[in-house]
PDB file of N, CA and C in Angstrom:
ATOM      1  N   MET A   1      38.112 -63.391   7.621  1.00  0.00           N
ATOM      2  CA  MET A   1      37.125 -64.122   6.628  1.00  0.00           C
ATOM      3  C   MET A   1      37.552 -63.875   5.296  1.00  0.00           C
ATOM      4  N   ASP A   2      37.978 -65.074   4.659  1.00  0.00           N
ATOM      5  CA  ASP A   2      38.408 -65.102   3.210  1.00  0.00           C
ATOM      6  C   ASP A   2      37.045 -65.210   2.126  1.00  0.00           C
ATOM      7  N   ILE A   3      36.798 -63.782   1.896  1.00  0.00           N
ATOM      8  CA  ILE A   3      35.533 -63.825   0.969  1.00  0.00           C
ATOM      9  C   ILE A   3      35.989 -64.473  -0.403  1.00  0.00           C
ATOM     10  N   SER A   4      37.189 -64.595  -0.680  1.00  0.00           N
ATOM     11  CA  SER A   4      37.692 -65.193  -2.186  1.00  0.00           C
ATOM     12  C   SER A   4      37.202 -66.894  -1.803  1.00  0.00           C
ATOM     13  N   ASN A   5      37.093 -67.366  -0.923  1.00  0.00           N
ATOM     14  CA  ASN A   5      36.652 -68.694  -0.631  1.00  0.00           C
ATOM     15  C   ASN A   5      35.198 -69.003  -0.895  1.00  0.00           C
ATOM     16  N   THR A   6      34.733 -69.912  -1.803  1.00  0.00           N
ATOM     17  CA  THR A   6      33.297 -70.186  -2.253  1.00  0.00           C
ATOM     18  C   THR A   6      32.700 -70.691  -1.023  1.00  0.00           C
ATOM     19  N   GLN A   7      33.336 -71.479  -0.241  1.00  0.00           N
ATOM     20  CA  GLN A   7      32.602 -72.225   0.997  1.00  0.00           C
ATOM     21  C   GLN A   7      32.042 -71.002   2.059  1.00  0.00           C
ATOM     22  N   VAL A   8      33.282 -70.254   2.166  1.00  0.00           N
ATOM     23  CA  VAL A   8      32.841 -68.753   2.988  1.00  0.00           C
ATOM     24  C   VAL A   8      31.585 -68.223   2.546  1.00  0.00           C
ATOM     25  N   LEU A   9      31.650 -67.737   1.316  1.00  0.00           N
ATOM     26  CA  LEU A   9      30.450 -67.081   0.781  1.00  0.00           C
ATOM     27  C   LEU A   9      29.142 -67.859   1.085  1.00  0.00           C
ATOM     28  N   LEU A  10      29.288 -69.060   0.618  1.00  0.00           N
ATOM     29  CA  LEU A  10      28.057 -70.136   0.863  1.00  0.00           C
ATOM     30  C   LEU A  10      27.525 -69.992   2.203  1.00  0.00           C
ATOM     31  N   ASP A  11      28.616 -70.003   2.973  1.00  0.00           N
ATOM     32  CA  ASP A  11      28.293 -70.158   4.763  1.00  0.00           C
ATOM     33  C   ASP A  11      27.511 -68.864   4.963  1.00  0.00           C
ATOM     34  N   LEU A  12      27.906 -67.621   4.545  1.00  0.00           N
ATOM     35  CA  LEU A  12      27.488 -66.416   4.796  1.00  0.00           C
ATOM     36  C   LEU A  12      25.872 -66.467   3.929  1.00  0.00           C
ATOM     37  N   VAL A  13      25.641 -67.023   2.809  1.00  0.00           N
ATOM     38  CA  VAL A  13      24.314 -67.098   2.310  1.00  0.00           C
ATOM     39  C   VAL A  13      23.371 -67.636   3.236  1.00  0.00           C
ATOM     40  N   GLU A  14      23.710 -68.796   3.762  1.00  0.00           N
ATOM     41  CA  GLU A  14      23.020 -69.454   4.780  1.00  0.00           C
ATOM     42  C   GLU A  14      22.759 -68.605   5.972  1.00  0.00           C
ATOM     43  N   GLN A  15      23.887 -68.161   6.321  1.00  0.00           N
ATOM     44  CA  GLN A  15      23.379 -67.203   7.525  1.00  0.00           C
ATOM     45  C   GLN A  15      22.597 -65.982   7.299  1.00  0.00           C
ATOM     46  N   LEU A  16      22.493 -65.706   6.336  1.00  0.00           N
ATOM     47  CA  LEU A  16      21.659 -64.583   5.876  1.00  0.00           C
ATOM     48  C   LEU A  16      20.165 -65.048   5.617  1.00  0.00           C
ATOM     49  N   GLY A  17      20.163 -66.290   5.587  1.00  0.00           N
ATOM     50  CA  GLY A  17      18.686 -66.921   5.465  1.00  0.00           C
ATOM     51  C   GLY A  17      18.430 -67.206   3.882  1.00  0.00           C
ATOM     52  N   LEU A  18      19.283 -67.250   3.154  1.00  0.00           N
ATOM     53  CA  LEU A  18      19.094 -67.277   1.686  1.00  0.00           C
ATOM     54  C   LEU A  18      19.514 -68.893   1.578  1.00  0.00           C
ATOM     55  N   ASP A  19      19.037 -69.361   0.242  1.00  0.00           N
ATOM     56  CA  ASP A  19      19.082 -70.662  -0.225  1.00  0.00           C
ATOM     57  C   ASP A  19      20.581 -70.799  -0.785  1.00  0.00           C
ATOM     58  N   ARG A  20      21.126 -71.731  -0.049  1.00  0.00           N
ATOM     59  CA  ARG A  20      22.642 -72.004  -0.201  1.00  0.00           C
ATOM     60  C   ARG A  20      22.804 -72.740  -1.852  1.00  0.00           C
ATOM     61  N   SER A  21      22.060 -73.475  -2.315  1.00  0.00           N
ATOM     62  CA  SER A  21      22.291 -73.937  -3.540  1.00  0.00           C
ATOM     63  C   SER A  21      22.046 -72.934  -4.705  1.00  0.00           C
ATOM     64  N   GLU A  22      21.073 -72.075  -4.249  1.00  0.00           N
ATOM     65  CA  GLU A  22      20.566 -70.691  -5.390  1.00  0.00           C
ATOM     66  C   GLU A  22      21.775 -69.792  -5.213  1.00  0.00           C
ATOM     67  N   GLY A  23      22.646 -69.814  -4.180  1.00  0.00           N
ATOM     68  CA  GLY A  23      23.803 -68.947  -4.077  1.00  0.00           C
ATOM     69  C   GLY A  23      24.933 -69.620  -4.698  1.00  0.00           C
ATOM     70  N   GLU A  24      25.016 -70.886  -4.719  1.00  0.00           N
ATOM     71  CA  GLU A  24      26.032 -71.537  -5.403  1.00  0.00           C
ATOM     72  C   GLU A  24      25.838 -71.522  -6.805  1.00  0.00           C
ATOM     73  N   GLN A  25      24.530 -71.660  -7.388  1.00  0.00           N
ATOM     74  CA  GLN A  25      24.264 -71.382  -8.694  1.00  0.00           C
ATOM     75  C   GLN A  25      24.752 -69.937  -9.266  1.00  0.00           C
ATOM     76  N   MET A  26      24.480 -69.030  -8.432  1.00  0.00           N
ATOM     77  CA  MET A  26      24.869 -67.487  -8.816  1.00  0.00           C
ATOM     78  C   MET A  26      26.456 -67.417  -8.796  1.00  0.00           C
ATOM     79  N   LEU A  27      27.279 -68.157  -7.995  1.00  0.00           N
ATOM     80  CA  LEU A  27      28.313 -67.963  -8.084  1.00  0.00           C
ATOM     81  C   LEU A  27      29.077 -68.673  -9.148  1.00  0.00           C
ATOM     82  N   ILE A  28      28.493 -69.778  -9.613  1.00  0.00           N
ATOM     83  CA  ILE A  28      29.074 -70.325 -10.817  1.00  0.00           C
ATOM     84  C   ILE A  28      28.644 -69.854 -12.234  1.00  0.00           C
ATOM     85  N   SER A  29      27.323 -69.075 -12.163  1.00  0.00           N
ATOM     86  CA  SER A  29      26.824 -68.535 -13.428  1.00  0.00           C
ATOM     87  C   SER A  29      27.553 -67.348 -13.919  1.00  0.00           C
ATOM     88  N   ASN A  30      27.132 -66.849 -15.127  1.00  0.00           N
ATOM     89  CA  ASN A  30      28.004 -65.550 -15.612  1.00  0.00           C
ATOM     90  C   ASN A  30      27.015 -64.391 -15.359  1.00  0.00           C
ATOM     91  N   GLU A  31      25.808 -64.825 -14.758  1.00  0.00           N
ATOM     92  CA  GLU A  31      24.842 -63.704 -14.708  1.00  0.00           C
ATOM     93  C   GLU A  31      25.445 -62.531 -13.719  1.00  0.00           C
ATOM     94  N   ILE A  32      25.974 -62.779 -12.578  1.00  0.00           N
ATOM     95  CA  ILE A  32      26.765 -61.744 -11.845  1.00  0.00           C
ATOM     96  C   ILE A  32      27.721 -61.048 -12.782  1.00  0.00           C
ATOM     97  N   ASN A  33      28.366 -61.715 -13.343  1.00  0.00           N
ATOM     98  CA  ASN A  33      29.434 -60.879 -14.262  1.00  0.00           C
ATOM     99  C   ASN A  33      28.751 -59.845 -15.145  1.00  0.00           C
ATOM    100  N   GLN A  34      27.720 -60.441 -15.720  1.00  0.00           N
ATOM    101  CA  GLN A  34      26.829 -59.671 -16.727  1.00  0.00           C
ATOM    102  C   GLN A  34      26.349 -58.366 -15.836  1.00  0.00           C
ATOM    103  N   GLN A  35      25.637 -58.569 -14.778  1.00  0.00           N
ATOM    104  CA  GLN A  35      25.117 -57.548 -13.841  1.00  0.00           C
ATOM    105  C   GLN A  35      26.220 -56.465 -13.706  1.00  0.00           C
ATOM    106  N   LEU A  36      27.301 -57.093 -13.148  1.00  0.00           N
ATOM    107  CA  LEU A  36      28.639 -56.040 -12.841  1.00  0.00           C
ATOM    108  C   LEU A  36      28.857 -55.041 -13.982  1.00  0.00           C
ATOM    109  N   LEU A  37      28.993 -55.839 -15.195  1.00  0.00           N
ATOM    110  CA  LEU A  37      29.372 -55.050 -16.393  1.00  0.00           C
ATOM    111  C   LEU A  37      28.235 -54.180 -16.796  1.00  0.00           C
ATOM    112  N   LEU A  38      27.281 -54.247 -16.650  1.00  0.00           N
ATOM    113  CA  LEU A  38      26.203 -53.362 -16.920  1.00  0.00           C
ATOM    114  C   LEU A  38      26.181 -52.086 -16.093  1.00  0.00           C
ATOM    115  N   LYS A  39      26.253 -52.413 -14.718  1.00  0.00           N
ATOM    116  CA  LYS A  39      26.380 -51.459 -13.704  1.00  0.00           C
ATOM    117  C   LYS A  39      27.560 -50.493 -13.756  1.00  0.00           C
ATOM    118  N   ASN A  40      28.802 -51.205 -14.019  1.00  0.00           N
ATOM    119  CA  ASN A  40      29.889 -50.515 -14.388  1.00  0.00           C
ATOM    120  C   ASN A  40      29.866 -49.459 -15.491  1.00  0.00           C
ATOM    121  N   GLN A  41      29.214 -50.069 -16.587  1.00  0.00           N
ATOM    122  CA  GLN A  41      29.117 -49.020 -18.041  1.00  0.00           C
ATOM    123  C   GLN A  41      28.104 -47.811 -17.532  1.00  0.00           C
ATOM    124  N   ARG A  42      27.015 -48.307 -16.619  1.00  0.00           N
ATOM    125  CA  ARG A  42      26.161 -47.164 -16.207  1.00  0.00           C
ATOM    126  C   ARG A  42      26.815 -46.123 -15.393  1.00  0.00           C
ATOM    127  N   VAL A  43      27.799 -46.600 -14.366  1.00  0.00           N
ATOM    128  CA  VAL A  43      28.519 -45.451 -13.580  1.00  0.00           C
ATOM    129  C   VAL A  43      29.391 -44.692 -14.535  1.00  0.00           C
ATOM    130  N   GLN A  44      30.195 -45.498 -15.486  1.00  0.00           N
ATOM    131  CA  GLN A  44      30.956 -44.748 -16.344  1.00  0.00           C
ATOM    132  C   GLN A  44      30.158 -43.610 -17.309  1.00  0.00           C
ATOM    133  N   LYS A  45      29.043 -44.049 -17.543  1.00  0.00           N
ATOM    134  CA  LYS A  45      28.167 -43.253 -18.438  1.00  0.00           C
ATOM    135  C   LYS A  45      27.766 -41.851 -17.628  1.00  0.00           C
ATOM    136  N   LEU A  46      27.614 -42.095 -16.303  1.00  0.00           N
ATOM    137  CA  LEU A  46      27.110 -40.878 -15.474  1.00  0.00           C
ATOM    138  C   LEU A  46      28.275 -40.210 -14.842  1.00  0.00           C
ATOM    139  N   LYS A  47      29.579 -40.667 -15.414  1.00  0.00           N
ATOM    140  CA  LYS A  47      30.818 -40.071 -14.763  1.00  0.00           C
ATOM    141  C   LYS A  47      30.937 -39.693 -13.331  1.00  0.00           C
ATOM    142  N   GLN A  48      30.635 -40.826 -12.596  1.00  0.00           N
ATOM    143  CA  GLN A  48      30.374 -40.730 -11.120  1.00  0.00           C
ATOM    144  C   GLN A  48      31.894 -40.423 -10.659  1.00  0.00           C
ATOM    145  N   PRO A  49      31.958 -39.375  -9.922  1.00  0.00           N
ATOM    146  CA  PRO A  49      33.256 -38.631  -9.373  1.00  0.00           C
ATOM    147  C   PRO A  49      33.568 -39.420  -8.168  1.00  0.00           C
ATOM    148  N   GLY A  50      32.941 -39.924  -7.478  1.00  0.00           N
ATOM    149  CA  GLY A  50      33.141 -40.588  -6.161  1.00  0.00           C
ATOM    150  C   GLY A  50      31.961 -40.837  -5.311  1.00  0.00           C
ATOM    151  N   ILE A  51      32.346 -41.320  -4.046  1.00  0.00           N
ATOM    152  CA  ILE A  51      31.227 -41.875  -3.203  1.00  0.00           C
ATOM    153  C   ILE A  51      31.252 -41.048  -2.093  1.00  0.00           C
ATOM    154  N   PRO A  52      30.172 -40.734  -1.425  1.00  0.00           N
ATOM    155  CA  PRO A  52      28.858 -41.241  -1.771  1.00  0.00           C
ATOM    156  C   PRO A  52      28.302 -40.446  -2.944  1.00  0.00           C
ATOM    157  N   ALA A  53      27.189 -41.242  -3.577  1.00  0.00           N
ATOM    158  CA  ALA A  53      26.786 -40.587  -4.663  1.00  0.00           C
ATOM    159  C   ALA A  53      25.314 -41.128  -4.777  1.00  0.00           C
ATOM    160  N   PHE A  54      24.260 -40.483  -5.128  1.00  0.00           N
ATOM    161  CA  PHE A  54      22.887 -40.767  -5.057  1.00  0.00           C
ATOM    162  C   PHE A  54      22.445 -40.594  -6.721  1.00  0.00           C
ATOM    163  N   ILE A  55      21.688 -41.563  -7.272  1.00  0.00           N
ATOM    164  CA  ILE A  55      21.178 -41.310  -8.489  1.00  0.00           C
ATOM    165  C   ILE A  55      19.647 -41.357  -8.400  1.00  0.00           C
ATOM    166  N   PHE A  56      19.094 -40.086  -9.125  1.00  0.00           N
ATOM    167  CA  PHE A  56      17.646 -39.987  -9.056  1.00  0.00           C
ATOM    168  C   PHE A  56      16.925 -40.231 -10.352  1.00  0.00           C
ATOM    169  N   ASN A  57      15.878 -40.979 -10.514  1.00  0.00           N
ATOM    170  CA  ASN A  57      15.285 -41.392 -11.636  1.00  0.00           C
ATOM    171  C   ASN A  57      16.107 -41.760 -12.798  1.00  0.00           C
ATOM    172  N   GLU A  58      17.266 -42.399 -12.249  1.00  0.00           N
ATOM    173  CA  GLU A  58      18.237 -43.213 -13.240  1.00  0.00           C
ATOM    174  C   GLU A  58      18.897 -42.103 -14.144  1.00  0.00           C
ATOM    175  N   THR A  59      18.755 -40.925 -14.011  1.00  0.00           N
ATOM    176  CA  THR A  59      19.412 -39.776 -14.751  1.00  0.00           C
ATOM    177  C   THR A  59      20.300 -38.839 -14.142  1.00  0.00           C
ATOM    178  N   THR A  60      19.917 -38.503 -12.896  1.00  0.00           N
ATOM    179  CA  THR A  60      20.594 -37.290 -12.219  1.00  0.00           C
ATOM    180  C   THR A  60      21.518 -37.756 -11.099  1.00  0.00           C
ATOM    181  N   LEU A  61      22.822 -37.453 -11.203  1.00  0.00           N
ATOM    182  CA  LEU A  61      23.807 -37.864 -10.228  1.00  0.00           C
ATOM    183  C   LEU A  61      24.024 -36.760  -9.117  1.00  0.00           C
ATOM    184  N   VAL A  62      24.005 -36.819  -7.958  1.00  0.00           N
ATOM    185  CA  VAL A  62      24.275 -36.086  -6.930  1.00  0.00           C
ATOM    186  C   VAL A  62      25.311 -36.832  -6.237  1.00  0.00           C
ATOM    187  N   SER A  63      26.672 -36.162  -6.141  1.00  0.00           N
ATOM    188  CA  SER A  63      27.697 -36.736  -5.413  1.00  0.00           C
ATOM    189  C   SER A  63      28.260 -36.011  -4.255  1.00  0.00           C
ATOM    190  N   GLY A  64      28.770 -36.535  -3.412  1.00  0.00           N
ATOM    191  CA  GLY A  64      29.389 -36.005  -2.217  1.00  0.00           C
ATOM    192  C   GLY A  64      28.279 -36.372  -1.008  1.00  0.00           C
ATOM    193  N   SER A  65      28.933 -35.639   0.194  1.00  0.00           N
ATOM    194  CA  SER A  65      28.104 -35.765   1.415  1.00  0.00           C
ATOM    195  C   SER A  65      27.235 -34.542   1.365  1.00  0.00           C
ATOM    196  N   ASN A  66      25.779 -34.709   1.683  1.00  0.00           N
ATOM    197  CA  ASN A  66      24.927 -33.723   1.684  1.00  0.00           C
ATOM    198  C   ASN A  66      23.892 -33.778   2.789  1.00  0.00           C
ATOM    199  N   SER A  67      23.441 -32.868   3.349  1.00  0.00           N
ATOM    200  CA  SER A  67      22.480 -33.019   4.289  1.00  0.00           C
ATOM    201  C   SER A  67      21.229 -33.607   3.986  1.00  0.00           C
ATOM    202  N   VAL A  68      20.309 -33.718   4.874  1.00  0.00           N
ATOM    203  CA  VAL A  68      19.042 -34.194   4.730  1.00  0.00           C
ATOM    204  C   VAL A  68      18.402 -32.997   4.081  1.00  0.00           C
ATOM    205  N   GLU A  69      18.541 -31.805   4.727  1.00  0.00           N
ATOM    206  CA  GLU A  69      17.589 -30.625   4.105  1.00  0.00           C
ATOM    207  C   GLU A  69      18.129 -30.372   2.926  1.00  0.00           C
ATOM    208  N   TYR A  70      19.179 -30.624   2.311  1.00  0.00           N
ATOM    209  CA  TYR A  70      19.847 -30.585   0.789  1.00  0.00           C
ATOM    210  C   TYR A  70      18.661 -31.483  -0.100  1.00  0.00           C
ATOM    211  N   PHE A  71      18.635 -32.744   0.474  1.00  0.00           N
ATOM    212  CA  PHE A  71      17.812 -33.776  -0.358  1.00  0.00           C
ATOM    213  C   PHE A  71      16.250 -33.355  -0.104  1.00  0.00           C
ATOM    214  N   GLU A  72      15.798 -32.884   0.939  1.00  0.00           N
ATOM    215  CA  GLU A  72      14.346 -32.486   0.761  1.00  0.00           C
ATOM    216  C   GLU A  72      13.945 -31.428   0.073  1.00  0.00           C
ATOM    217  N   THR A  73      15.008 -30.307  -0.018  1.00  0.00           N
ATOM    218  CA  THR A  73      14.857 -29.118  -0.809  1.00  0.00           C
ATOM    219  C   THR A  73      15.102 -29.434  -2.180  1.00  0.00           C
ATOM    220  N   ASN A  74      15.896 -30.291  -2.742  1.00  0.00           N
ATOM    221  CA  ASN A  74      16.466 -30.135  -4.083  1.00  0.00           C
ATOM    222  C   ASN A  74      15.728 -31.618  -4.684  1.00  0.00           C
ATOM    223  N   ASN A  75      15.218 -32.677  -3.988  1.00  0.00           N
ATOM    224  CA  ASN A  75      15.092 -34.008  -4.877  1.00  0.00           C
ATOM    225  C   ASN A  75      13.756 -34.493  -4.429  1.00  0.00           C
ATOM    226  N   ASN A  76      13.432 -34.577  -3.203  1.00  0.00           N
ATOM    227  CA  ASN A  76      12.425 -35.125  -2.704  1.00  0.00           C
ATOM    228  C   ASN A  76      10.780 -34.328  -3.051  1.00  0.00           C
ATOM    229  N   LYS A  77      10.951 -33.323  -3.265  1.00  0.00           N
ATOM    230  CA  LYS A  77       9.716 -32.577  -3.890  1.00  0.00           C
ATOM    231  C   LYS A  77       9.234 -33.073  -5.224  1.00  0.00           C
ATOM    232  N   ARG A  78      10.198 -33.610  -5.798  1.00  0.00           N
ATOM    233  CA  ARG A  78       9.795 -34.123  -7.389  1.00  0.00           C
ATOM    234  C   ARG A  78       9.436 -35.632  -7.346  1.00  0.00           C
ATOM    235  N   ASN A  79       9.181 -36.337  -5.925  1.00  0.00           N
ATOM    236  CA  ASN A  79       9.177 -37.642  -5.904  1.00  0.00           C
ATOM    237  C   ASN A  79       9.880 -38.611  -6.758  1.00  0.00           C
ATOM    238  N   GLU A  80      11.215 -38.536  -6.536  1.00  0.00           N
ATOM    239  CA  GLU A  80      12.023 -39.298  -7.460  1.00  0.00           C
ATOM    240  C   GLU A  80      12.451 -40.662  -6.846  1.00  0.00           C
ATOM    241  N   LYS A  81      12.649 -41.469  -7.698  1.00  0.00           N
ATOM    242  CA  LYS A  81      13.205 -42.833  -7.346  1.00  0.00           C
ATOM    243  C   LYS A  81      14.822 -42.545  -7.068  1.00  0.00           C
ATOM    244  N   VAL A  82      15.197 -43.049  -5.785  1.00  0.00           N
ATOM    245  CA  VAL A  82      16.476 -42.753  -5.510  1.00  0.00           C
ATOM    246  C   VAL A  82      17.235 -44.285  -5.487  1.00  0.00           C
ATOM    247  N   SER A  83      18.389 -44.481  -5.891  1.00  0.00           N
ATOM    248  CA  SER A  83      19.285 -45.495  -5.931  1.00  0.00           C
ATOM    249  C   SER A  83      20.782 -44.995  -5.530  1.00  0.00           C
ATOM    250  N   LEU A  84      21.362 -45.592  -4.562  1.00  0.00           N
ATOM    251  CA  LEU A  84      22.765 -45.375  -4.103  1.00  0.00           C
ATOM    252  C   LEU A  84      23.714 -45.827  -5.148  1.00  0.00           C
ATOM    253  N   ALA A  85      24.602 -45.050  -5.325  1.00  0.00           N
ATOM    254  CA  ALA A  85      25.825 -45.549  -6.455  1.00  0.00           C
ATOM    255  C   ALA A  85      26.303 -46.753  -6.004  1.00  0.00           C
ATOM    256  N   SER A  86      26.447 -47.053  -4.907  1.00  0.00           N
ATOM    257  CA  SER A  86      27.068 -48.352  -4.373  1.00  0.00           C
ATOM    258  C   SER A  86      26.154 -49.701  -4.895  1.00  0.00           C
ATOM    259  N   ASP A  87      24.863 -49.328  -5.185  1.00  0.00           N
ATOM    260  CA  ASP A  87      24.059 -50.380  -5.694  1.00  0.00           C
ATOM    261  C   ASP A  87      24.495 -50.732  -7.136  1.00  0.00           C
ATOM    262  N   LEU A  88      24.958 -49.744  -7.823  1.00  0.00           N
ATOM    263  CA  LEU A  88      25.406 -49.929  -9.081  1.00  0.00           C
ATOM    264  C   LEU A  88      26.819 -50.598  -9.418  1.00  0.00           C
ATOM    265  N   LEU A  89      27.477 -50.856  -8.362  1.00  0.00           N
ATOM    266  CA  LEU A  89      28.844 -51.368  -8.413  1.00  0.00           C
ATOM    267  C   LEU A  89      28.737 -52.899  -7.954  1.00  0.00           C
TER     268      LEU A  89
END
């Protein structure tokens, strides 16, 4: 599958049940590039060392593989919003 091919991407958009014309507009607009630039700047600001990584409350970075117990003990008790670092890229 050649994901550099616009038609392939648009076919995937349809297969996922999304609107093909909306997907096409996103591909030709500058909006995605702007979002990626902002996410990349955010990751650099947090000095993310690697994947997997999790961001809590958009300020605290936890990187590396951790157990469920680790997260339950150290993070969930504060009822924090969690983002995967891959969401930032």
